[in-house]
Amino acid sequence: MKKGTTNTALIQQIKEAFASVNKPHNHFGIYSARARDEYSDPTEEEQRLDRVLDRYDLTPQQMHECSTSLIF
């Protein structure tokens, strides 16, 4: 990395480096983690949401709704 590269540029490089990496089929996203934290199995809808949700695009509302799952 060149001297003077900003954190924003570094974060962008990391995102680009992993952009083509698919999430595993059993990916544990915030909705599945919330279900597990509540001692239940995630629904098909929760699993679907986790497969398409980009962690960089989480909204404050989603983080509030699934606050306990953020530790996963």
Protein backbone atom coordinates (compact mmCIF):
# COMPACT_ATOMS: atom_id res chain seq x y z
CA MET A 1 0.00 0.00 0.00
CA LYS A 2 1.29 3.43 -0.89
CA LYS A 3 2.14 5.88 1.86
CA GLY A 4 -0.78 8.22 2.50
CA THR A 5 -3.51 5.77 1.45
CA THR A 6 -6.65 6.57 3.41
CA ASN A 7 -8.67 4.16 5.50
CA THR A 8 -11.54 4.63 3.06
CA ALA A 9 -9.35 3.51 0.17
CA LEU A 10 -8.16 0.50 2.15
CA ILE A 11 -11.72 -0.51 3.02
CA GLN A 12 -12.67 -0.20 -0.66
CA GLN A 13 -9.71 -2.42 -1.65
CA ILE A 14 -10.82 -5.05 0.86
CA LYS A 15 -14.41 -4.95 -0.41
CA GLU A 16 -13.23 -5.32 -4.00
CA ALA A 17 -10.86 -8.17 -3.13
CA PHE A 18 -13.69 -10.21 -1.59
CA ALA A 19 -16.54 -9.07 -3.86
CA SER A 20 -16.64 -12.30 -5.86
CA VAL A 21 -16.51 -14.59 -2.80
CA ASN A 22 -19.88 -16.21 -2.26
CA LYS A 23 -21.33 -16.55 1.21
CA PRO A 24 -21.47 -20.16 2.38
CA HIS A 25 -24.84 -21.89 2.10
CA ASN A 26 -25.12 -22.07 5.88
CA HIS A 27 -24.18 -18.39 6.30
CA PHE A 28 -25.10 -17.00 9.70
CA GLY A 29 -26.36 -13.49 9.10
CA ILE A 30 -28.08 -11.18 11.54
CA TYR A 31 -31.56 -12.64 11.08
CA SER A 32 -30.46 -16.27 11.49
CA ALA A 33 -28.32 -15.30 14.46
CA ARG A 34 -31.26 -13.49 16.06
CA ALA A 35 -33.41 -16.61 15.66
CA ARG A 36 -30.70 -18.80 17.21
CA ASP A 37 -30.28 -16.30 20.04
CA GLU A 38 -34.02 -16.67 20.69
CA TYR A 39 -33.63 -20.49 20.77
CA SER A 40 -35.39 -21.18 17.48
CA ASP A 41 -34.40 -22.23 14.02
CA PRO A 42 -34.24 -19.46 11.42
CA THR A 43 -37.16 -19.38 9.01
CA GLU A 44 -36.66 -19.71 5.28
CA GLU A 45 -37.35 -15.98 4.98
CA GLU A 46 -34.66 -15.14 7.57
CA GLN A 47 -32.18 -17.37 5.77
CA ARG A 48 -33.06 -15.77 2.43
CA LEU A 49 -32.58 -12.27 3.86
CA ASP A 50 -29.19 -13.25 5.25
CA ARG A 51 -28.03 -14.57 1.87
CA VAL A 52 -28.81 -11.30 0.06
CA LEU A 53 -28.02 -8.78 2.80
CA ASP A 54 -24.68 -7.05 2.48
CA ARG A 55 -23.25 -6.35 5.92
CA TYR A 56 -22.00 -2.99 4.66
CA ASP A 57 -25.58 -1.93 3.93
CA LEU A 58 -27.10 -2.65 7.34
CA THR A 59 -29.48 0.06 8.39
CA PRO A 60 -29.72 1.39 11.95
CA GLN A 61 -33.21 -0.17 12.10
CA GLN A 62 -31.88 -3.62 11.18
CA MET A 63 -29.09 -3.31 13.73
CA HIS A 64 -31.65 -2.35 16.38
CA GLU A 65 -34.01 -5.21 15.48
CA CYS A 66 -31.17 -7.74 15.55
CA SER A 67 -28.94 -6.15 18.17
CA THR A 68 -28.16 -9.37 20.02
CA SER A 69 -27.02 -11.07 16.81
CA LEU A 70 -24.27 -8.53 16.13
CA ILE A 71 -21.93 -10.48 18.40
CA PHE A 72 -22.00 -13.52 16.08
